[in-house]
Amino acid sequence: MHDTLYLPQQPPQAVPVEGLSMPDPATGFARVPERVPVLLDCAPELVDVLASGPGYVAYSVFDCEGPANPAAMVAVAAVSGVAFDSEDEDTVLRGAVLVVTG
């Protein structure tokens, strides 16, 4: 597994994989491990499973009003196949984003 934390206006940071997990292969359900809100620096109830699929899960902070995170938009688009439009406020990723790939 590879885990990368994307913080706005900072280079991507590799984070240790301990305590993180991939979506359940049978159901596709992506749970939120206890470590995720710590890495995203938010309350557990604010963690959003942004996208998940076979081999990846991306977490963000629900309804974050922080700065745009273009590096996270590129990373999530690469694993999910869903493009983000930096001109569309409804699709811009903001704040911290954690991408876990397997």
N, C-alpha and C. Protein backbone atom coordinates (compact mmCIF):
# COMPACT_ATOMS: atom_id res chain seq x y z
N MET A 1 0.84 -1.18 0.00
CA MET A 1 0.00 0.00 0.00
C MET A 1 0.88 1.25 0.00
N HIS A 2 0.38 2.29 -0.62
CA HIS A 2 1.05 3.58 -0.64
C HIS A 2 0.04 4.62 -0.16
N ASP A 3 0.47 5.45 0.77
CA ASP A 3 -0.41 6.46 1.33
C ASP A 3 0.26 7.82 1.19
N THR A 4 -0.47 8.76 0.61
CA THR A 4 0.08 10.08 0.38
C THR A 4 -0.90 11.13 0.90
N LEU A 5 -0.35 12.05 1.68
CA LEU A 5 -1.14 13.16 2.21
C LEU A 5 -0.84 14.39 1.37
N TYR A 6 -1.91 15.01 0.89
CA TYR A 6 -1.79 16.22 0.09
C TYR A 6 -2.33 17.39 0.91
N LEU A 7 -1.44 18.31 1.23
CA LEU A 7 -1.83 19.53 1.94
C LEU A 7 -1.69 20.69 0.97
N PRO A 8 -2.61 21.64 0.98
CA PRO A 8 -2.52 22.76 0.04
C PRO A 8 -1.17 23.48 0.15
N GLN A 9 -0.62 23.81 -0.99
CA GLN A 9 0.60 24.61 -1.09
C GLN A 9 1.81 23.95 -0.44
N GLN A 10 1.78 22.61 -0.34
CA GLN A 10 2.93 21.85 0.17
C GLN A 10 3.15 20.65 -0.74
N PRO A 11 4.39 20.14 -0.76
CA PRO A 11 4.61 18.94 -1.57
C PRO A 11 3.90 17.74 -0.95
N PRO A 12 3.50 16.76 -1.77
CA PRO A 12 2.87 15.56 -1.23
C PRO A 12 3.79 14.87 -0.22
N GLN A 13 3.18 14.30 0.82
CA GLN A 13 3.94 13.64 1.88
C GLN A 13 3.53 12.18 1.96
N ALA A 14 4.51 11.28 1.87
CA ALA A 14 4.24 9.86 2.09
C ALA A 14 4.00 9.68 3.59
N VAL A 15 3.00 8.90 3.94
CA VAL A 15 2.70 8.63 5.35
C VAL A 15 2.75 7.12 5.56
N PRO A 16 3.12 6.69 6.77
CA PRO A 16 3.17 5.25 7.05
C PRO A 16 1.81 4.60 6.86
N VAL A 17 1.80 3.35 6.42
CA VAL A 17 0.56 2.65 6.11
C VAL A 17 -0.12 2.05 7.34
N GLU A 18 0.57 2.00 8.45
CA GLU A 18 -0.01 1.40 9.64
C GLU A 18 -1.33 2.08 10.00
N GLY A 19 -2.35 1.26 10.25
CA GLY A 19 -3.64 1.78 10.68
C GLY A 19 -4.55 2.22 9.55
N LEU A 20 -4.11 2.11 8.31
CA LEU A 20 -4.94 2.49 7.16
C LEU A 20 -5.34 1.23 6.41
N SER A 21 -6.40 1.30 5.64
CA SER A 21 -6.89 0.11 4.94
C SER A 21 -7.49 0.47 3.60
N MET A 22 -7.64 -0.55 2.78
CA MET A 22 -8.26 -0.41 1.48
C MET A 22 -9.76 -0.73 1.61
N PRO A 23 -10.56 -0.36 0.61
CA PRO A 23 -11.98 -0.74 0.64
C PRO A 23 -12.13 -2.26 0.67
N ASP A 24 -13.21 -2.73 1.27
CA ASP A 24 -13.49 -4.16 1.33
C ASP A 24 -13.66 -4.67 -0.10
N PRO A 25 -12.89 -5.69 -0.51
CA PRO A 25 -12.99 -6.16 -1.90
C PRO A 25 -14.35 -6.76 -2.26
N ALA A 26 -15.05 -7.32 -1.28
CA ALA A 26 -16.35 -7.95 -1.57
C ALA A 26 -17.47 -6.93 -1.72
N THR A 27 -17.43 -5.89 -0.89
CA THR A 27 -18.54 -4.92 -0.89
C THR A 27 -18.17 -3.57 -1.49
N GLY A 28 -16.88 -3.27 -1.54
CA GLY A 28 -16.43 -1.95 -2.01
C GLY A 28 -16.52 -0.89 -0.93
N PHE A 29 -16.99 -1.26 0.26
CA PHE A 29 -17.15 -0.30 1.35
C PHE A 29 -15.78 0.17 1.86
N ALA A 30 -15.60 1.46 1.95
CA ALA A 30 -14.36 2.05 2.47
C ALA A 30 -14.66 2.62 3.85
N ARG A 31 -14.11 2.00 4.87
CA ARG A 31 -14.30 2.51 6.22
C ARG A 31 -13.30 3.61 6.49
N VAL A 32 -13.54 4.37 7.54
CA VAL A 32 -12.64 5.46 7.92
C VAL A 32 -11.87 5.03 9.17
N PRO A 33 -10.63 4.58 8.99
CA PRO A 33 -9.82 4.19 10.14
C PRO A 33 -9.57 5.37 11.08
N GLU A 34 -9.32 5.08 12.34
CA GLU A 34 -9.11 6.12 13.36
C GLU A 34 -7.98 7.08 13.00
N ARG A 35 -7.02 6.62 12.25
CA ARG A 35 -5.86 7.44 11.92
C ARG A 35 -6.16 8.55 10.90
N VAL A 36 -7.19 8.36 10.09
CA VAL A 36 -7.48 9.30 9.02
C VAL A 36 -7.80 10.71 9.54
N PRO A 37 -8.70 10.88 10.52
CA PRO A 37 -8.96 12.25 10.98
C PRO A 37 -7.73 12.90 11.61
N VAL A 38 -6.85 12.09 12.18
CA VAL A 38 -5.61 12.63 12.74
C VAL A 38 -4.74 13.21 11.62
N LEU A 39 -4.61 12.44 10.54
CA LEU A 39 -3.80 12.90 9.40
C LEU A 39 -4.42 14.12 8.72
N LEU A 40 -5.75 14.15 8.65
CA LEU A 40 -6.43 15.28 8.00
C LEU A 40 -6.63 16.46 8.95
N ASP A 41 -6.29 16.27 10.23
CA ASP A 41 -6.42 17.31 11.25
C ASP A 41 -7.85 17.83 11.34
N CYS A 42 -8.79 16.88 11.52
CA CYS A 42 -10.20 17.25 11.65
C CYS A 42 -10.90 16.28 12.60
N ALA A 43 -12.11 16.62 12.97
CA ALA A 43 -12.92 15.74 13.80
C ALA A 43 -13.32 14.51 12.98
N PRO A 44 -13.44 13.35 13.61
CA PRO A 44 -13.79 12.13 12.87
C PRO A 44 -15.08 12.25 12.05
N GLU A 45 -16.07 12.97 12.55
CA GLU A 45 -17.33 13.08 11.81
C GLU A 45 -17.22 13.97 10.57
N LEU A 46 -16.10 14.66 10.40
CA LEU A 46 -15.91 15.50 9.22
C LEU A 46 -15.16 14.81 8.08
N VAL A 47 -14.69 13.58 8.32
CA VAL A 47 -13.97 12.86 7.26
C VAL A 47 -14.97 12.40 6.21
N ASP A 48 -14.64 12.65 4.96
CA ASP A 48 -15.48 12.27 3.83
C ASP A 48 -14.70 11.28 2.97
N VAL A 49 -15.32 10.15 2.62
CA VAL A 49 -14.72 9.27 1.62
C VAL A 49 -15.03 9.92 0.28
N LEU A 50 -14.05 10.58 -0.24
CA LEU A 50 -14.20 11.36 -1.47
C LEU A 50 -14.43 10.45 -2.68
N ALA A 51 -13.63 9.40 -2.75
CA ALA A 51 -13.73 8.45 -3.86
C ALA A 51 -13.10 7.14 -3.42
N SER A 52 -13.64 6.04 -3.92
CA SER A 52 -13.03 4.74 -3.63
C SER A 52 -13.35 3.77 -4.75
N GLY A 53 -12.51 2.78 -4.86
CA GLY A 53 -12.69 1.76 -5.87
C GLY A 53 -11.68 0.67 -5.64
N PRO A 54 -11.64 -0.30 -6.53
CA PRO A 54 -10.66 -1.36 -6.36
C PRO A 54 -9.24 -0.78 -6.39
N GLY A 55 -8.55 -0.91 -5.30
CA GLY A 55 -7.16 -0.46 -5.26
C GLY A 55 -6.92 0.95 -4.78
N TYR A 56 -7.96 1.68 -4.39
CA TYR A 56 -7.72 3.03 -3.89
C TYR A 56 -8.87 3.53 -3.02
N VAL A 57 -8.54 4.50 -2.18
CA VAL A 57 -9.55 5.26 -1.45
C VAL A 57 -8.97 6.64 -1.21
N ALA A 58 -9.78 7.67 -1.35
CA ALA A 58 -9.36 9.05 -1.11
C ALA A 58 -10.26 9.67 -0.06
N TYR A 59 -9.65 10.27 0.94
CA TYR A 59 -10.37 10.91 2.03
C TYR A 59 -10.14 12.41 1.98
N SER A 60 -11.16 13.17 2.35
CA SER A 60 -11.03 14.62 2.44
C SER A 60 -11.83 15.09 3.65
N VAL A 61 -11.76 16.39 3.89
CA VAL A 61 -12.54 17.00 4.97
C VAL A 61 -13.83 17.51 4.37
N PHE A 62 -14.96 17.03 4.90
CA PHE A 62 -16.27 17.40 4.37
C PHE A 62 -16.47 18.91 4.40
N ASP A 63 -16.90 19.47 3.28
CA ASP A 63 -17.25 20.88 3.14
C ASP A 63 -16.15 21.82 3.62
N CYS A 64 -14.92 21.49 3.28
CA CYS A 64 -13.77 22.31 3.70
C CYS A 64 -13.78 23.64 2.95
N GLU A 65 -13.50 24.70 3.66
CA GLU A 65 -13.45 26.04 3.08
C GLU A 65 -12.00 26.51 2.91
N GLY A 66 -11.04 25.62 3.10
CA GLY A 66 -9.63 25.98 3.03
C GLY A 66 -9.18 26.27 1.61
N PRO A 67 -7.86 26.46 1.46
CA PRO A 67 -7.33 26.75 0.13
C PRO A 67 -7.48 25.57 -0.83
N ALA A 68 -7.53 25.89 -2.10
CA ALA A 68 -7.61 24.86 -3.14
C ALA A 68 -6.39 23.96 -3.07
N ASN A 69 -6.58 22.71 -3.48
CA ASN A 69 -5.50 21.73 -3.43
C ASN A 69 -5.33 21.09 -4.81
N PRO A 70 -4.64 21.79 -5.72
CA PRO A 70 -4.49 21.28 -7.09
C PRO A 70 -3.75 19.95 -7.18
N ALA A 71 -2.74 19.73 -6.34
CA ALA A 71 -2.00 18.47 -6.37
C ALA A 71 -2.91 17.31 -6.02
N ALA A 72 -3.81 17.50 -5.05
CA ALA A 72 -4.76 16.46 -4.68
C ALA A 72 -5.74 16.19 -5.82
N MET A 73 -6.16 17.23 -6.53
CA MET A 73 -7.08 17.04 -7.65
C MET A 73 -6.44 16.17 -8.73
N VAL A 74 -5.16 16.38 -9.00
CA VAL A 74 -4.45 15.58 -9.99
C VAL A 74 -4.34 14.13 -9.51
N ALA A 75 -3.99 13.94 -8.23
CA ALA A 75 -3.81 12.59 -7.69
C ALA A 75 -5.12 11.82 -7.66
N VAL A 76 -6.19 12.44 -7.21
CA VAL A 76 -7.49 11.76 -7.14
C VAL A 76 -7.99 11.46 -8.55
N ALA A 77 -7.80 12.37 -9.48
CA ALA A 77 -8.20 12.13 -10.86
C ALA A 77 -7.43 10.94 -11.45
N ALA A 78 -6.15 10.82 -11.11
CA ALA A 78 -5.33 9.73 -11.64
C ALA A 78 -5.82 8.37 -11.16
N VAL A 79 -6.23 8.26 -9.89
CA VAL A 79 -6.66 6.95 -9.38
C VAL A 79 -8.12 6.66 -9.68
N SER A 80 -8.95 7.70 -9.74
CA SER A 80 -10.39 7.49 -9.90
C SER A 80 -10.89 7.59 -11.33
N GLY A 81 -10.14 8.31 -12.16
CA GLY A 81 -10.58 8.55 -13.53
C GLY A 81 -11.58 9.68 -13.65
N VAL A 82 -11.84 10.38 -12.54
CA VAL A 82 -12.79 11.50 -12.54
C VAL A 82 -11.99 12.80 -12.56
N ALA A 83 -12.21 13.62 -13.56
CA ALA A 83 -11.48 14.87 -13.70
C ALA A 83 -12.09 15.96 -12.84
N PHE A 84 -11.26 16.88 -12.40
CA PHE A 84 -11.71 18.02 -11.62
C PHE A 84 -11.47 19.27 -12.44
N ASP A 85 -12.42 20.18 -12.41
CA ASP A 85 -12.32 21.44 -13.13
C ASP A 85 -11.96 22.53 -12.13
N SER A 86 -10.76 23.06 -12.23
CA SER A 86 -10.31 24.07 -11.26
C SER A 86 -11.09 25.38 -11.37
N GLU A 87 -11.87 25.52 -12.43
CA GLU A 87 -12.70 26.72 -12.59
C GLU A 87 -14.11 26.52 -12.00
N ASP A 88 -14.45 25.30 -11.66
CA ASP A 88 -15.78 24.98 -11.13
C ASP A 88 -15.69 24.82 -9.61
N GLU A 89 -16.22 25.77 -8.87
CA GLU A 89 -16.15 25.76 -7.41
C GLU A 89 -16.74 24.49 -6.81
N ASP A 90 -17.67 23.86 -7.49
CA ASP A 90 -18.30 22.64 -6.97
C ASP A 90 -17.39 21.42 -7.06
N THR A 91 -16.35 21.46 -7.89
CA THR A 91 -15.46 20.31 -8.04
C THR A 91 -14.06 20.54 -7.49
N VAL A 92 -13.75 21.74 -7.08
CA VAL A 92 -12.41 22.03 -6.56
C VAL A 92 -12.23 21.36 -5.20
N LEU A 93 -11.13 20.62 -5.06
CA LEU A 93 -10.80 20.03 -3.76
C LEU A 93 -10.09 21.08 -2.92
N ARG A 94 -10.49 21.16 -1.66
CA ARG A 94 -9.91 22.14 -0.74
C ARG A 94 -9.43 21.43 0.51
N GLY A 95 -8.38 21.99 1.11
CA GLY A 95 -7.86 21.44 2.35
C GLY A 95 -7.09 20.15 2.13
N ALA A 96 -6.91 19.41 3.23
CA ALA A 96 -6.11 18.18 3.22
C ALA A 96 -6.87 17.04 2.53
N VAL A 97 -6.10 16.22 1.79
CA VAL A 97 -6.65 15.05 1.12
C VAL A 97 -5.65 13.91 1.32
N LEU A 98 -6.15 12.74 1.70
CA LEU A 98 -5.33 11.55 1.87
C LEU A 98 -5.71 10.54 0.80
N VAL A 99 -4.73 10.06 0.06
CA VAL A 99 -4.97 9.06 -0.99
C VAL A 99 -4.23 7.79 -0.62
N VAL A 100 -4.97 6.70 -0.51
CA VAL A 100 -4.42 5.38 -0.17
C VAL A 100 -4.58 4.51 -1.40
N THR A 101 -3.47 3.95 -1.89
CA THR A 101 -3.52 3.06 -3.05
C THR A 101 -2.89 1.73 -2.69
N GLY A 102 -3.35 0.70 -3.34
CA GLY A 102 -2.84 -0.64 -3.01
C GLY A 102 -2.17 -1.31 -4.16
